[in-house]
Amino acid sequence: MDLCLQKRISRLGNVGKSLKDIGTFMDVPGASLFITSTDKLFNWAKKSSLWPLSFGLACCAIEMMATFSSRYDLDRLGMITRASPRQADLMIVAGTVTVKMAERIKTLYDQMSGPKWVIAAGSCAISGDHYRHIYSVVPGVDWVIPVDVYVPGCPPTPEAFIDGIMELQNIISKGKTSPTFNLSDTKGVAEVQTKPVKKKGNLIESKFLDKNLILSFATELKNKGFNYLKFITATDFEEGLILTYLIGNNSTNEDVEFNIKLDHDLEIESLSNIYFGANWQEREVFDLFGINFTGHKNMKRIMMPDEWIGHPLKKDYVMDTHCYPYRPTKKEYEEWKTEL
């Protein structure tokens, strides 16, 4: 290679160095040629212009944001985050994947232009980590979409993120991607699973309000200035479910707590016409405990998917209940883990 061609390559900087990895520069009279194959050239272009979707799920996303900050300068690797999946070709799943979020992840992945790649970053995205046997968590995003590279850690450091990205670039440059995608063989809807549990006796010592008086009692409280419904929750004791309300007076900084024992029908009047905050709080209690608030205009699930069966915070609910297609049974998960 003559001195003139060497100078031209040196002006290309790192681009010239990376091009030398996929082909050969040749100097001919009147021109300089670069000889390579179209596959190598296209793969070089793909790996040098990854556009990740600006998308994060949980605490690992904070480390991902730090990786894309000025300190690490991922722009030098040709990476520009995109806010639209239609302009992105890389999804970095950073955080815990829940059953409810799985469908959204699948939708975003389907909207991305191809060819496209996925990096599972962090223990939760890889396997569900210590949440994997909880009713709402998918044991790894590869039960939802194909994954090309796994970056372990809780959370992975920015250096680990960069290492995973560079590993993906190596895979792309070789043109041999083999993503991992798990799929449950069993089809159908999860059945209600319950198990006998020994519940504790009632630990609430305060007086209980008659559930038939709740509307008049709440109205009286609001007239006295207690206009902020702080929370509604329930506790599953041996004798049945007990509802707990906490209502506050912002002017005097006082709180009133009262409890109500529920019958086996698990029904009580809604406070949504008195307190605006009861709208979503009653839906949450309905979703997780199965308590029906009569008179509520939109009594449906708010946290779990609409088709979810059972109520997860009742003591007899089996925590590792499956939910197809994204959450396998514990048996399927253990068999899959053994085959690795």
C-alpha atoms as a PDB file:
ATOM      1  CA  MET A   1       0.000   0.000   0.000  1.00  0.00           C
ATOM      2  CA  ASP A   2       1.517   3.314  -1.054  1.00  0.00           C
ATOM      3  CA  LEU A   3       1.912   6.366   1.161  1.00  0.00           C
ATOM      4  CA  CYS A   4      -0.929   8.244  -0.569  1.00  0.00           C
ATOM      5  CA  LEU A   5      -3.503   5.528   0.153  1.00  0.00           C
ATOM      6  CA  GLN A   6      -2.299   5.212   3.742  1.00  0.00           C
ATOM      7  CA  LYS A   7      -2.886   8.940   4.236  1.00  0.00           C
ATOM      8  CA  ARG A   8      -6.402   8.650   2.816  1.00  0.00           C
ATOM      9  CA  ILE A   9      -7.204   5.772   5.209  1.00  0.00           C
ATOM     10  CA  SER A  10      -5.739   7.649   8.159  1.00  0.00           C
ATOM     11  CA  ARG A  11      -8.122  10.535   7.458  1.00  0.00           C
ATOM     12  CA  LEU A  12     -11.018   8.085   7.832  1.00  0.00           C
ATOM     13  CA  GLY A  13      -9.996   7.505  11.458  1.00  0.00           C
ATOM     14  CA  ASN A  14     -11.773   4.616  13.206  1.00  0.00           C
ATOM     15  CA  VAL A  15     -14.034   4.135  10.180  1.00  0.00           C
ATOM     16  CA  GLY A  16     -11.026   3.217   8.095  1.00  0.00           C
ATOM     17  CA  LYS A  17      -9.815   0.837  10.806  1.00  0.00           C
ATOM     18  CA  SER A  18     -13.177  -0.929  11.026  1.00  0.00           C
ATOM     19  CA  LEU A  19     -13.447  -1.152   7.238  1.00  0.00           C
ATOM     20  CA  LYS A  20     -10.057  -2.844   7.092  1.00  0.00           C
ATOM     21  CA  ASP A  21     -11.579  -5.604   9.265  1.00  0.00           C
ATOM     22  CA  ILE A  22     -14.149  -6.486   6.602  1.00  0.00           C
ATOM     23  CA  GLY A  23     -12.229  -5.957   3.375  1.00  0.00           C
ATOM     24  CA  THR A  24      -9.121  -4.749   1.591  1.00  0.00           C
ATOM     25  CA  PHE A  25      -8.122  -1.340   0.265  1.00  0.00           C
ATOM     26  CA  MET A  26      -6.449  -1.382  -3.124  1.00  0.00           C
ATOM     27  CA  ASP A  27      -4.809   1.480  -5.006  1.00  0.00           C
ATOM     28  CA  VAL A  28      -5.228   1.500  -8.786  1.00  0.00           C
ATOM     29  CA  PRO A  29      -4.293   4.200 -11.299  1.00  0.00           C
ATOM     30  CA  GLY A  30      -6.607   7.137 -10.783  1.00  0.00           C
ATOM     31  CA  ALA A  31      -8.630   5.630  -7.911  1.00  0.00           C
ATOM     32  CA  SER A  32      -8.628   3.734  -4.642  1.00  0.00           C
ATOM     33  CA  LEU A  33     -10.755   0.604  -4.362  1.00  0.00           C
ATOM     34  CA  PHE A  34     -12.220  -1.129  -1.357  1.00  0.00           C
ATOM     35  CA  ILE A  35     -12.936  -4.821  -1.923  1.00  0.00           C
ATOM     36  CA  THR A  36     -15.408  -6.684   0.282  1.00  0.00           C
ATOM     37  CA  SER A  37     -18.672  -8.626   0.074  1.00  0.00           C
ATOM     38  CA  THR A  38     -22.121  -7.039   0.289  1.00  0.00           C
ATOM     39  CA  ASP A  39     -22.959  -9.168   3.340  1.00  0.00           C
ATOM     40  CA  LYS A  40     -19.936  -7.911   5.249  1.00  0.00           C
ATOM     41  CA  LEU A  41     -20.594  -4.320   4.215  1.00  0.00           C
ATOM     42  CA  PHE A  42     -24.269  -4.403   5.197  1.00  0.00           C
ATOM     43  CA  ASN A  43     -23.487  -6.111   8.526  1.00  0.00           C
ATOM     44  CA  TRP A  44     -20.835  -3.457   9.192  1.00  0.00           C
ATOM     45  CA  ALA A  45     -23.436  -0.740   8.551  1.00  0.00           C
ATOM     46  CA  LYS A  46     -25.973  -2.450  10.826  1.00  0.00           C
ATOM     47  CA  LYS A  47     -23.615  -2.887  13.755  1.00  0.00           C
ATOM     48  CA  SER A  48     -22.285   0.678  13.393  1.00  0.00           C
ATOM     49  CA  SER A  49     -25.702   2.352  13.514  1.00  0.00           C
ATOM     50  CA  LEU A  50     -27.739   0.644  16.233  1.00  0.00           C
ATOM     51  CA  TRP A  51     -30.702   2.803  17.227  1.00  0.00           C
ATOM     52  CA  PRO A  52     -32.057   1.600  20.590  1.00  0.00           C
ATOM     53  CA  LEU A  53     -35.587   2.289  21.761  1.00  0.00           C
ATOM     54  CA  SER A  54     -35.700   4.658  24.751  1.00  0.00           C
ATOM     55  CA  PHE A  55     -37.523   2.164  26.906  1.00  0.00           C
ATOM     56  CA  GLY A  56     -37.005   1.082  30.516  1.00  0.00           C
ATOM     57  CA  LEU A  57     -38.950  -0.985  33.030  1.00  0.00           C
ATOM     58  CA  ALA A  58     -37.408  -0.780  36.501  1.00  0.00           C
ATOM     59  CA  CYS A  59     -34.234  -0.004  38.449  1.00  0.00           C
ATOM     60  CA  CYS A  60     -31.861  -1.423  35.800  1.00  0.00           C
ATOM     61  CA  ALA A  61     -33.139   1.301  33.473  1.00  0.00           C
ATOM     62  CA  ILE A  62     -31.388   3.873  35.684  1.00  0.00           C
ATOM     63  CA  GLU A  63     -28.050   2.236  34.893  1.00  0.00           C
ATOM     64  CA  MET A  64     -29.019   2.147  31.223  1.00  0.00           C
ATOM     65  CA  MET A  65     -29.696   5.898  31.353  1.00  0.00           C
ATOM     66  CA  ALA A  66     -26.292   6.431  32.961  1.00  0.00           C
ATOM     67  CA  THR A  67     -24.722   4.414  30.148  1.00  0.00           C
ATOM     68  CA  PHE A  68     -26.268   6.744  27.572  1.00  0.00           C
ATOM     69  CA  SER A  69     -25.121   9.849  29.424  1.00  0.00           C
ATOM     70  CA  SER A  70     -22.208  12.051  28.424  1.00  0.00           C
ATOM     71  CA  ARG A  71     -19.713  10.207  30.643  1.00  0.00           C
ATOM     72  CA  TYR A  72     -19.736   7.098  28.436  1.00  0.00           C
ATOM     73  CA  ASP A  73     -20.653   8.769  25.115  1.00  0.00           C
ATOM     74  CA  LEU A  74     -22.320   5.888  23.282  1.00  0.00           C
ATOM     75  CA  ASP A  75     -22.765   8.148  20.268  1.00  0.00           C
ATOM     76  CA  ARG A  76     -19.209   7.159  19.344  1.00  0.00           C
ATOM     77  CA  LEU A  77     -20.559   3.636  18.733  1.00  0.00           C
ATOM     78  CA  GLY A  78     -23.209   4.952  16.357  1.00  0.00           C
ATOM     79  CA  MET A  79     -25.999   4.595  18.915  1.00  0.00           C
ATOM     80  CA  ILE A  80     -28.797   7.164  18.941  1.00  0.00           C
ATOM     81  CA  THR A  81     -31.836   6.499  21.106  1.00  0.00           C
ATOM     82  CA  ARG A  82     -35.195   6.776  19.388  1.00  0.00           C
ATOM     83  CA  ALA A  83     -38.548   7.538  20.994  1.00  0.00           C
ATOM     84  CA  SER A  84     -40.513   5.614  18.373  1.00  0.00           C
ATOM     85  CA  PRO A  85     -40.274   1.836  17.881  1.00  0.00           C
ATOM     86  CA  ARG A  86     -40.691   2.362  14.141  1.00  0.00           C
ATOM     87  CA  GLN A  87     -37.326   4.144  14.047  1.00  0.00           C
ATOM     88  CA  ALA A  88     -35.502   1.709  16.376  1.00  0.00           C
ATOM     89  CA  ASP A  89     -33.810  -1.611  15.681  1.00  0.00           C
ATOM     90  CA  LEU A  90     -32.570  -2.462  19.205  1.00  0.00           C
ATOM     91  CA  MET A  91     -34.607  -3.013  22.369  1.00  0.00           C
ATOM     92  CA  ILE A  92     -32.760  -3.109  25.691  1.00  0.00           C
ATOM     93  CA  VAL A  93     -35.093  -4.674  28.257  1.00  0.00           C
ATOM     94  CA  ALA A  94     -33.862  -3.308  31.589  1.00  0.00           C
ATOM     95  CA  GLY A  95     -36.013  -4.252  34.562  1.00  0.00           C
ATOM     96  CA  THR A  96     -38.607  -6.725  35.829  1.00  0.00           C
ATOM     97  CA  VAL A  97     -41.080  -7.955  33.210  1.00  0.00           C
ATOM     98  CA  THR A  98     -44.623  -8.420  34.523  1.00  0.00           C
ATOM     99  CA  VAL A  99     -47.418 -10.346  32.849  1.00  0.00           C
ATOM    100  CA  LYS A 100     -49.331  -7.121  32.262  1.00  0.00           C
ATOM    101  CA  MET A 101     -46.297  -5.409  30.693  1.00  0.00           C
ATOM    102  CA  ALA A 102     -45.406  -8.439  28.546  1.00  0.00           C
ATOM    103  CA  GLU A 103     -48.109  -7.667  26.004  1.00  0.00           C
ATOM    104  CA  ARG A 104     -46.894  -4.073  25.710  1.00  0.00           C
ATOM    105  CA  ILE A 105     -43.311  -5.255  25.197  1.00  0.00           C
ATOM    106  CA  LYS A 106     -44.490  -7.648  22.491  1.00  0.00           C
ATOM    107  CA  THR A 107     -46.405  -4.824  20.776  1.00  0.00           C
ATOM    108  CA  LEU A 108     -43.377  -2.498  20.819  1.00  0.00           C
ATOM    109  CA  TYR A 109     -41.150  -5.300  19.492  1.00  0.00           C
ATOM    110  CA  ASP A 110     -43.576  -6.028  16.648  1.00  0.00           C
ATOM    111  CA  GLN A 111     -43.621  -2.329  15.704  1.00  0.00           C
ATOM    112  CA  MET A 112     -39.825  -2.144  15.416  1.00  0.00           C
ATOM    113  CA  SER A 113     -38.348  -2.262  11.942  1.00  0.00           C
ATOM    114  CA  GLY A 114     -36.310  -5.273  10.945  1.00  0.00           C
ATOM    115  CA  PRO A 115     -33.701  -6.511  11.237  1.00  0.00           C
ATOM    116  CA  LYS A 116     -33.974  -5.980  14.990  1.00  0.00           C
ATOM    117  CA  TRP A 117     -32.224  -7.211  18.112  1.00  0.00           C
ATOM    118  CA  VAL A 118     -32.916  -7.509  21.836  1.00  0.00           C
ATOM    119  CA  ILE A 119     -30.616  -7.236  24.856  1.00  0.00           C
ATOM    120  CA  ALA A 120     -31.895  -8.541  28.221  1.00  0.00           C
ATOM    121  CA  ALA A 121     -30.143  -6.422  30.843  1.00  0.00           C
ATOM    122  CA  GLY A 122     -30.188  -7.377  34.498  1.00  0.00           C
ATOM    123  CA  SER A 123     -31.161 -10.461  36.480  1.00  0.00           C
ATOM    124  CA  CYS A 124     -34.897  -9.697  36.428  1.00  0.00           C
ATOM    125  CA  ALA A 125     -35.063  -9.306  32.652  1.00  0.00           C
ATOM    126  CA  ILE A 126     -32.999 -12.488  32.229  1.00  0.00           C
ATOM    127  CA  SER A 127     -34.747 -14.838  34.676  1.00  0.00           C
ATOM    128  CA  GLY A 128     -37.129 -12.893  36.924  1.00  0.00           C
ATOM    129  CA  ASP A 129     -34.459 -13.169  39.643  1.00  0.00           C
ATOM    130  CA  HIS A 130     -35.925 -13.419  43.167  1.00  0.00           C
ATOM    131  CA  TYR A 131     -39.353 -12.365  41.811  1.00  0.00           C
ATOM    132  CA  ARG A 132     -39.628 -15.271  39.382  1.00  0.00           C
ATOM    133  CA  HIS A 133     -42.141 -17.268  41.458  1.00  0.00           C
ATOM    134  CA  ILE A 134     -44.453 -14.295  42.100  1.00  0.00           C
ATOM    135  CA  TYR A 135     -47.819 -14.495  40.355  1.00  0.00           C
ATOM    136  CA  SER A 136     -47.336 -11.330  38.256  1.00  0.00           C
ATOM    137  CA  VAL A 137     -43.723 -11.760  37.028  1.00  0.00           C
ATOM    138  CA  VAL A 138     -42.478 -13.345  33.800  1.00  0.00           C
ATOM    139  CA  PRO A 139     -39.378 -15.520  34.465  1.00  0.00           C
ATOM    140  CA  GLY A 140     -37.313 -13.832  31.777  1.00  0.00           C
ATOM    141  CA  VAL A 141     -38.207 -11.648  28.811  1.00  0.00           C
ATOM    142  CA  ASP A 142     -37.238 -14.483  26.443  1.00  0.00           C
ATOM    143  CA  TRP A 143     -40.669 -15.981  27.261  1.00  0.00           C
ATOM    144  CA  VAL A 144     -42.091 -12.920  25.480  1.00  0.00           C
ATOM    145  CA  ILE A 145     -39.682 -11.986  22.646  1.00  0.00           C
ATOM    146  CA  PRO A 146     -36.427 -13.450  21.235  1.00  0.00           C
ATOM    147  CA  VAL A 147     -33.265 -12.312  23.051  1.00  0.00           C
ATOM    148  CA  ASP A 148     -29.838 -12.020  21.381  1.00  0.00           C
ATOM    149  CA  VAL A 149     -27.568 -10.953  24.265  1.00  0.00           C
ATOM    150  CA  TYR A 150     -27.828 -11.300  28.050  1.00  0.00           C
ATOM    151  CA  VAL A 151     -26.131  -8.790  30.366  1.00  0.00           C
ATOM    152  CA  PRO A 152     -26.101 -10.141  33.957  1.00  0.00           C
ATOM    153  CA  GLY A 153     -26.046  -8.028  37.074  1.00  0.00           C
ATOM    154  CA  CYS A 154     -28.331  -6.490  39.688  1.00  0.00           C
ATOM    155  CA  PRO A 155     -28.036  -3.945  38.280  1.00  0.00           C
ATOM    156  CA  PRO A 156     -25.433  -4.291  35.515  1.00  0.00           C
ATOM    157  CA  THR A 157     -22.910  -1.467  35.489  1.00  0.00           C
ATOM    158  CA  PRO A 158     -22.572   0.897  32.508  1.00  0.00           C
ATOM    159  CA  GLU A 159     -19.389  -0.973  31.599  1.00  0.00           C
ATOM    160  CA  ALA A 160     -21.416  -4.208  31.494  1.00  0.00           C
ATOM    161  CA  PHE A 161     -24.010  -2.530  29.269  1.00  0.00           C
ATOM    162  CA  ILE A 162     -21.288  -1.416  26.866  1.00  0.00           C
ATOM    163  CA  ASP A 163     -19.781  -4.916  26.882  1.00  0.00           C
ATOM    164  CA  GLY A 164     -23.179  -6.378  25.971  1.00  0.00           C
ATOM    165  CA  ILE A 165     -23.638  -3.846  23.176  1.00  0.00           C
ATOM    166  CA  MET A 166     -20.193  -4.626  21.759  1.00  0.00           C
ATOM    167  CA  GLU A 167     -20.940  -8.347  21.949  1.00  0.00           C
ATOM    168  CA  LEU A 168     -24.120  -7.715  19.946  1.00  0.00           C
ATOM    169  CA  GLN A 169     -22.056  -5.778  17.404  1.00  0.00           C
ATOM    170  CA  ASN A 170     -19.729  -8.786  17.059  1.00  0.00           C
ATOM    171  CA  ILE A 171     -22.729 -11.064  16.496  1.00  0.00           C
ATOM    172  CA  ILE A 172     -24.154  -8.723  13.862  1.00  0.00           C
ATOM    173  CA  SER A 173     -20.829  -8.378  12.055  1.00  0.00           C
ATOM    174  CA  LYS A 174     -20.592 -12.166  11.759  1.00  0.00           C
ATOM    175  CA  GLY A 175     -24.144 -12.351  10.411  1.00  0.00           C
ATOM    176  CA  LYS A 176     -24.973 -15.320  12.622  1.00  0.00           C
ATOM    177  CA  THR A 177     -27.680 -14.402  15.116  1.00  0.00           C
ATOM    178  CA  SER A 178     -29.309 -17.184  17.126  1.00  0.00           C
ATOM    179  CA  PRO A 179     -31.702 -15.531  19.592  1.00  0.00           C
ATOM    180  CA  THR A 180     -33.232 -17.452  22.488  1.00  0.00           C
ATOM    181  CA  PHE A 181     -37.019 -17.682  22.622  1.00  0.00           C
ATOM    182  CA  ASN A 182     -38.936 -19.866  25.074  1.00  0.00           C
ATOM    183  CA  LEU A 183     -42.472 -20.990  24.411  1.00  0.00           C
ATOM    184  CA  SER A 184     -44.756 -22.996  26.638  1.00  0.00           C
ATOM    185  CA  ASP A 185     -46.138 -26.165  25.040  1.00  0.00           C
ATOM    186  CA  THR A 186     -49.321 -25.956  27.076  1.00  0.00           C
ATOM    187  CA  LYS A 187     -52.203 -23.941  25.674  1.00  0.00           C
ATOM    188  CA  GLY A 188     -55.191 -22.577  27.507  1.00  0.00           C
ATOM    189  CA  VAL A 189     -56.149 -20.342  30.393  1.00  0.00           C
ATOM    190  CA  ALA A 190     -54.797 -20.626  33.899  1.00  0.00           C
ATOM    191  CA  GLU A 191     -57.222 -22.173  36.346  1.00  0.00           C
ATOM    192  CA  VAL A 192     -57.950 -20.823  39.784  1.00  0.00           C
ATOM    193  CA  GLN A 193     -55.407 -22.284  42.164  1.00  0.00           C
ATOM    194  CA  THR A 194     -55.919 -22.267  45.907  1.00  0.00           C
ATOM    195  CA  LYS A 195     -54.155 -23.947  48.767  1.00  0.00           C
ATOM    196  CA  PRO A 196     -55.144 -24.423  52.406  1.00  0.00           C
ATOM    197  CA  VAL A 197     -53.334 -21.982  54.651  1.00  0.00           C
ATOM    198  CA  LYS A 198     -53.429 -21.341  58.356  1.00  0.00           C
ATOM    199  CA  LYS A 199     -54.612 -17.783  58.763  1.00  0.00           C
ATOM    200  CA  LYS A 200     -54.097 -15.753  61.888  1.00  0.00           C
ATOM    201  CA  GLY A 201     -56.917 -14.635  64.084  1.00  0.00           C
ATOM    202  CA  ASN A 202     -58.094 -11.058  63.975  1.00  0.00           C
ATOM    203  CA  LEU A 203     -55.272  -8.758  65.111  1.00  0.00           C
ATOM    204  CA  ILE A 204     -57.235  -5.517  64.757  1.00  0.00           C
ATOM    205  CA  GLU A 205     -58.358  -4.377  68.208  1.00  0.00           C
ATOM    206  CA  SER A 206     -60.302  -1.244  67.266  1.00  0.00           C
ATOM    207  CA  LYS A 207     -64.090  -1.096  67.106  1.00  0.00           C
ATOM    208  CA  PHE A 208     -65.698  -2.131  63.838  1.00  0.00           C
ATOM    209  CA  LEU A 209     -68.146  -0.062  61.848  1.00  0.00           C
ATOM    210  CA  ASP A 210     -71.341  -1.677  60.572  1.00  0.00           C
ATOM    211  CA  LYS A 211     -70.905  -1.924  56.815  1.00  0.00           C
ATOM    212  CA  ASN A 212     -74.486  -0.691  56.284  1.00  0.00           C
ATOM    213  CA  LEU A 213     -73.532   2.638  57.888  1.00  0.00           C
ATOM    214  CA  ILE A 214     -70.480   3.388  55.768  1.00  0.00           C
ATOM    215  CA  LEU A 215     -72.130   5.938  53.450  1.00  0.00           C
ATOM    216  CA  SER A 216     -73.609   8.023  56.272  1.00  0.00           C
ATOM    217  CA  PHE A 217     -70.392   7.760  58.317  1.00  0.00           C
ATOM    218  CA  ALA A 218     -68.195   8.841  55.376  1.00  0.00           C
ATOM    219  CA  THR A 219     -70.544  11.724  54.526  1.00  0.00           C
ATOM    220  CA  GLU A 220     -70.430  12.922  58.126  1.00  0.00           C
ATOM    221  CA  LEU A 221     -66.621  12.802  58.116  1.00  0.00           C
ATOM    222  CA  LYS A 222     -66.420  14.822  54.916  1.00  0.00           C
ATOM    223  CA  ASN A 223     -68.761  17.461  56.334  1.00  0.00           C
ATOM    224  CA  LYS A 224     -66.342  17.791  59.270  1.00  0.00           C
ATOM    225  CA  GLY A 225     -63.460  18.557  56.929  1.00  0.00           C
ATOM    226  CA  PHE A 226     -62.074  15.034  56.442  1.00  0.00           C
ATOM    227  CA  ASN A 227     -61.970  15.344  52.678  1.00  0.00           C
ATOM    228  CA  TYR A 228     -58.876  13.286  51.786  1.00  0.00           C
ATOM    229  CA  LEU A 229     -59.201   9.515  51.410  1.00  0.00           C
ATOM    230  CA  LYS A 230     -55.631   8.381  52.065  1.00  0.00           C
ATOM    231  CA  PHE A 231     -56.051   4.675  51.417  1.00  0.00           C
ATOM    232  CA  ILE A 232     -58.315   1.645  51.376  1.00  0.00           C
ATOM    233  CA  THR A 233     -56.845  -1.772  52.034  1.00  0.00           C
ATOM    234  CA  ALA A 234     -57.909  -5.190  53.273  1.00  0.00           C
ATOM    235  CA  THR A 235     -56.516  -7.979  55.466  1.00  0.00           C
ATOM    236  CA  ASP A 236     -57.327 -11.673  55.073  1.00  0.00           C
ATOM    237  CA  PHE A 237     -57.870 -13.087  58.584  1.00  0.00           C
ATOM    238  CA  GLU A 238     -59.199 -16.472  59.676  1.00  0.00           C
ATOM    239  CA  GLU A 239     -62.706 -15.124  60.272  1.00  0.00           C
ATOM    240  CA  GLY A 240     -62.811 -13.315  56.917  1.00  0.00           C
ATOM    241  CA  LEU A 241     -61.699 -10.167  55.138  1.00  0.00           C
ATOM    242  CA  ILE A 242     -61.515  -6.868  57.013  1.00  0.00           C
ATOM    243  CA  LEU A 243     -61.526  -3.537  55.159  1.00  0.00           C
ATOM    244  CA  THR A 244     -59.499  -0.630  56.533  1.00  0.00           C
ATOM    245  CA  TYR A 245     -60.098   3.011  55.584  1.00  0.00           C
ATOM    246  CA  LEU A 246     -57.917   6.007  56.457  1.00  0.00           C
ATOM    247  CA  ILE A 247     -59.388   9.486  55.895  1.00  0.00           C
ATOM    248  CA  GLY A 248     -57.494  12.692  56.638  1.00  0.00           C
ATOM    249  CA  ASN A 249     -58.241  16.324  57.418  1.00  0.00           C
ATOM    250  CA  ASN A 250     -55.569  18.446  55.743  1.00  0.00           C
ATOM    251  CA  SER A 251     -56.478  21.551  57.741  1.00  0.00           C
ATOM    252  CA  THR A 252     -56.054  20.052  61.206  1.00  0.00           C
ATOM    253  CA  ASN A 253     -53.614  17.310  60.180  1.00  0.00           C
ATOM    254  CA  GLU A 254     -55.866  14.684  61.785  1.00  0.00           C
ATOM    255  CA  ASP A 255     -56.659  11.176  60.547  1.00  0.00           C
ATOM    256  CA  VAL A 256     -59.610   8.872  61.152  1.00  0.00           C
ATOM    257  CA  GLU A 257     -59.163   5.128  60.670  1.00  0.00           C
ATOM    258  CA  PHE A 258     -62.060   2.702  60.738  1.00  0.00           C
ATOM    259  CA  ASN A 259     -62.431  -1.002  59.973  1.00  0.00           C
ATOM    260  CA  ILE A 260     -65.307  -3.063  58.589  1.00  0.00           C
ATOM    261  CA  LYS A 261     -65.832  -6.817  58.757  1.00  0.00           C
ATOM    262  CA  LEU A 262     -67.142  -8.252  55.521  1.00  0.00           C
ATOM    263  CA  ASP A 263     -69.597 -11.096  55.010  1.00  0.00           C
ATOM    264  CA  HIS A 264     -68.850 -14.031  52.730  1.00  0.00           C
ATOM    265  CA  ASP A 265     -70.486 -12.209  49.810  1.00  0.00           C
ATOM    266  CA  LEU A 266     -67.576  -9.683  49.927  1.00  0.00           C
ATOM    267  CA  GLU A 267     -69.762  -6.702  49.019  1.00  0.00           C
ATOM    268  CA  ILE A 268     -69.911  -3.168  50.391  1.00  0.00           C
ATOM    269  CA  GLU A 269     -71.168   0.246  49.237  1.00  0.00           C
ATOM    270  CA  SER A 270     -68.757   2.333  47.156  1.00  0.00           C
ATOM    271  CA  LEU A 271     -67.445   5.687  48.395  1.00  0.00           C
ATOM    272  CA  SER A 272     -66.597   6.861  44.868  1.00  0.00           C
ATOM    273  CA  ASN A 273     -69.491   9.369  44.879  1.00  0.00           C
ATOM    274  CA  ILE A 274     -68.162  10.922  48.110  1.00  0.00           C
ATOM    275  CA  TYR A 275     -64.374  10.711  47.673  1.00  0.00           C
ATOM    276  CA  PHE A 276     -62.849  11.003  44.220  1.00  0.00           C
ATOM    277  CA  GLY A 277     -59.800   8.954  45.268  1.00  0.00           C
ATOM    278  CA  ALA A 278     -62.020   5.960  46.035  1.00  0.00           C
ATOM    279  CA  ASN A 279     -62.456   5.427  42.310  1.00  0.00           C
ATOM    280  CA  TRP A 280     -59.083   3.765  41.690  1.00  0.00           C
ATOM    281  CA  GLN A 281     -58.461   2.582  45.265  1.00  0.00           C
ATOM    282  CA  GLU A 282     -61.629   0.479  45.285  1.00  0.00           C
ATOM    283  CA  ARG A 283     -60.675  -0.977  41.926  1.00  0.00           C
ATOM    284  CA  GLU A 284     -57.277  -1.977  43.357  1.00  0.00           C
ATOM    285  CA  VAL A 285     -58.888  -3.704  46.365  1.00  0.00           C
ATOM    286  CA  PHE A 286     -61.338  -5.449  44.028  1.00  0.00           C
ATOM    287  CA  ASP A 287     -58.474  -6.570  41.804  1.00  0.00           C
ATOM    288  CA  LEU A 288     -56.296  -8.013  44.568  1.00  0.00           C
ATOM    289  CA  PHE A 289     -58.871  -9.167  47.150  1.00  0.00           C
ATOM    290  CA  GLY A 290     -62.074  -9.743  45.156  1.00  0.00           C
ATOM    291  CA  ILE A 291     -64.189  -7.282  47.185  1.00  0.00           C
ATOM    292  CA  ASN A 292     -67.060  -5.836  45.138  1.00  0.00           C
ATOM    293  CA  PHE A 293     -67.938  -2.183  45.759  1.00  0.00           C
ATOM    294  CA  THR A 294     -71.583  -1.790  44.745  1.00  0.00           C
ATOM    295  CA  GLY A 295     -72.436   1.500  43.079  1.00  0.00           C
ATOM    296  CA  HIS A 296     -68.956   1.900  41.553  1.00  0.00           C
ATOM    297  CA  LYS A 297     -69.365   2.912  37.901  1.00  0.00           C
ATOM    298  CA  ASN A 298     -66.240   1.171  36.619  1.00  0.00           C
ATOM    299  CA  MET A 299     -65.623  -1.872  38.810  1.00  0.00           C
ATOM    300  CA  LYS A 300     -62.935  -3.734  36.857  1.00  0.00           C
ATOM    301  CA  ARG A 301     -59.303  -4.723  37.323  1.00  0.00           C
ATOM    302  CA  ILE A 302     -56.711  -1.963  37.457  1.00  0.00           C
ATOM    303  CA  MET A 303     -53.399  -3.776  38.092  1.00  0.00           C
ATOM    304  CA  MET A 304     -53.782  -7.298  36.711  1.00  0.00           C
ATOM    305  CA  PRO A 305     -54.846  -8.090  33.116  1.00  0.00           C
ATOM    306  CA  ASP A 306     -58.603  -8.199  32.554  1.00  0.00           C
ATOM    307  CA  GLU A 307     -58.533 -11.941  31.873  1.00  0.00           C
ATOM    308  CA  TRP A 308     -56.645 -12.742  35.092  1.00  0.00           C
ATOM    309  CA  ILE A 309     -58.317 -15.396  37.229  1.00  0.00           C
ATOM    310  CA  GLY A 310     -58.316 -15.163  41.024  1.00  0.00           C
ATOM    311  CA  HIS A 311     -57.251 -12.456  43.457  1.00  0.00           C
ATOM    312  CA  PRO A 312     -53.519 -12.544  44.336  1.00  0.00           C
ATOM    313  CA  LEU A 313     -53.521 -11.010  47.845  1.00  0.00           C
ATOM    314  CA  LYS A 314     -55.917 -13.528  49.350  1.00  0.00           C
ATOM    315  CA  LYS A 315     -53.994 -15.913  51.574  1.00  0.00           C
ATOM    316  CA  ASP A 316     -55.139 -19.073  49.769  1.00  0.00           C
ATOM    317  CA  TYR A 317     -53.944 -17.832  46.375  1.00  0.00           C
ATOM    318  CA  VAL A 318     -50.987 -19.797  44.976  1.00  0.00           C
ATOM    319  CA  MET A 319     -48.156 -17.326  44.384  1.00  0.00           C
ATOM    320  CA  ASP A 320     -46.546 -19.178  41.456  1.00  0.00           C
ATOM    321  CA  THR A 321     -49.797 -19.459  39.468  1.00  0.00           C
ATOM    322  CA  HIS A 322     -49.065 -19.626  35.749  1.00  0.00           C
ATOM    323  CA  CYS A 323     -50.506 -17.254  33.150  1.00  0.00           C
ATOM    324  CA  TYR A 324     -50.092 -18.291  29.511  1.00  0.00           C
ATOM    325  CA  PRO A 325     -48.507 -17.510  27.180  1.00  0.00           C
ATOM    326  CA  TYR A 326     -45.855 -15.494  29.045  1.00  0.00           C
ATOM    327  CA  ARG A 327     -45.739 -17.113  32.461  1.00  0.00           C
ATOM    328  CA  PRO A 328     -45.229 -20.919  32.455  1.00  0.00           C
ATOM    329  CA  THR A 329     -46.099 -23.310  35.252  1.00  0.00           C
ATOM    330  CA  LYS A 330     -43.438 -23.899  37.873  1.00  0.00           C
ATOM    331  CA  LYS A 331     -42.963 -27.430  36.500  1.00  0.00           C
ATOM    332  CA  GLU A 332     -42.364 -26.120  32.974  1.00  0.00           C
ATOM    333  CA  TYR A 333     -39.944 -23.519  34.270  1.00  0.00           C
ATOM    334  CA  GLU A 334     -37.930 -26.072  36.277  1.00  0.00           C
ATOM    335  CA  GLU A 335     -37.791 -28.447  33.277  1.00  0.00           C
ATOM    336  CA  TRP A 336     -36.605 -25.616  31.034  1.00  0.00           C
ATOM    337  CA  LYS A 337     -33.948 -24.619  33.589  1.00  0.00           C
ATOM    338  CA  THR A 338     -32.708 -28.214  33.776  1.00  0.00           C
ATOM    339  CA  GLU A 339     -32.296 -28.362  29.998  1.00  0.00           C
ATOM    340  CA  LEU A 340     -29.971 -25.323  29.950  1.00  0.00           C
END
